[in-house]
Amino acid sequence: MKINFKTSLLIIFIGICLGHSQDSLLVASKKIDSIKQRIDNHKEFNEEHVRLLNEYARQCFYNKDFKTGLIAARDARDLLPLNRTI
C-alpha cells in the first residue's frame, strides 16, 4: 500500500497538533503565593483553613508540583477530624 507525500504530511501534522494540545494548565505563581499567604495568616484550624489547603493543593497539581500538593492535601485531610467535632 502506497501512501503519497500529502497523506503522510497530513498524518504528521495531525499528530503534532494532537500532541501539542495536551499541554498542562499552568497557574500563575502569584495566585499560588497568595493562597499560601492566606494559609499562613489564617491561625484558626477550621473549615476555611481546610478549604484553603485544598485549593493550594489543587493549584500545585495544576503546576505539576505534586510533592507540595500532596503535602497540602494530607494536611487538609488530617485537619478534617478536628472540624467534625466542632
Protein backbone atom coordinates (compact mmCIF):
# COMPACT_ATOMS: atom_id res chain seq x y z
CA MET A 1 0.00 0.00 0.00
CA LYS A 2 1.50 3.29 -1.07
CA ILE A 3 0.94 6.43 0.95
CA ASN A 4 1.56 9.55 -1.01
CA PHE A 5 3.52 12.51 0.32
CA LYS A 6 0.48 14.70 1.06
CA THR A 7 -1.22 11.99 3.12
CA SER A 8 1.88 11.31 5.19
CA LEU A 9 2.38 15.05 5.73
CA LEU A 10 -1.26 15.36 6.87
CA ILE A 11 -0.82 12.48 9.32
CA ILE A 12 2.32 14.07 10.79
CA PHE A 13 0.58 17.46 11.07
CA ILE A 14 -2.43 15.96 12.88
CA GLY A 15 -0.12 14.06 15.25
CA ILE A 16 1.78 17.22 16.14
CA CYS A 17 -1.45 19.17 16.69
CA LEU A 18 -2.89 16.49 18.96
CA GLY A 19 0.34 16.19 20.92
CA HIS A 20 0.61 19.93 21.37
CA SER A 21 -2.98 20.26 22.59
CA GLN A 22 -2.16 18.17 25.67
CA ASP A 23 -0.27 20.99 27.39
CA SER A 24 -0.87 21.33 31.10
CA LEU A 25 -2.86 24.13 32.63
CA LEU A 26 -0.34 26.30 34.42
CA VAL A 27 -1.44 28.69 37.14
CA ALA A 28 0.29 31.98 37.83
CA SER A 29 2.72 31.68 40.72
CA LYS A 30 1.23 34.88 42.20
CA LYS A 31 -2.06 33.05 42.75
CA ILE A 32 -0.33 30.13 44.47
CA ASP A 33 1.71 32.52 46.63
CA SER A 34 -1.45 34.42 47.54
CA ILE A 35 -3.19 31.26 48.71
CA LYS A 36 -0.08 30.22 50.67
CA GLN A 37 -0.02 33.61 52.43
CA ARG A 38 -3.70 33.27 53.30
CA ILE A 39 -2.98 29.83 54.79
CA ASP A 40 -0.07 31.22 56.82
CA ASN A 41 -2.16 34.15 58.09
CA HIS A 42 -5.18 32.00 58.93
CA LYS A 43 -4.48 30.96 62.51
CA GLU A 44 -7.67 29.02 63.21
CA PHE A 45 -7.86 25.39 62.15
CA ASN A 46 -11.41 25.35 60.86
CA GLU A 47 -13.26 24.60 57.62
CA GLU A 48 -11.82 27.71 55.96
CA HIS A 49 -8.29 26.51 56.70
CA VAL A 50 -9.09 23.10 55.17
CA ARG A 51 -10.64 24.78 52.12
CA LEU A 52 -7.53 26.93 51.63
CA LEU A 53 -5.25 23.90 51.93
CA ASN A 54 -7.30 22.01 49.35
CA GLU A 55 -7.25 24.98 46.98
CA TYR A 56 -3.49 25.28 47.44
CA ALA A 57 -3.06 21.56 46.70
CA ARG A 58 -5.21 21.84 43.57
CA GLN A 59 -3.20 24.79 42.23
CA CYS A 60 0.06 22.93 42.94
CA PHE A 61 -1.22 19.92 41.00
CA TYR A 62 -2.05 22.17 38.04
CA ASN A 63 1.56 23.40 38.06
CA LYS A 64 2.86 19.83 38.37
CA ASP A 65 4.29 20.48 41.82
CA PHE A 66 2.99 17.14 43.03
CA LYS A 67 5.02 16.81 46.22
CA THR A 68 3.84 20.15 47.63
CA GLY A 69 0.28 19.42 46.53
CA LEU A 70 0.26 16.04 48.24
CA ILE A 71 1.63 17.55 51.46
CA ALA A 72 -1.11 20.22 51.44
CA ALA A 73 -3.81 17.61 50.70
CA ARG A 74 -2.50 15.44 53.55
CA ASP A 75 -2.55 18.40 55.95
CA ALA A 76 -6.13 19.20 54.94
CA ARG A 77 -7.16 15.58 55.43
CA ASP A 78 -5.51 15.47 58.85
CA LEU A 79 -7.50 18.55 59.93
CA LEU A 80 -10.87 17.08 58.91
CA PRO A 81 -11.45 15.10 62.14
CA LEU A 82 -10.86 18.29 64.13
CA ASN A 83 -13.56 20.10 62.18
CA ARG A 84 -16.12 17.33 62.53
CA THR A 85 -16.04 17.56 66.33
CA ILE A 86 -16.79 21.31 66.27
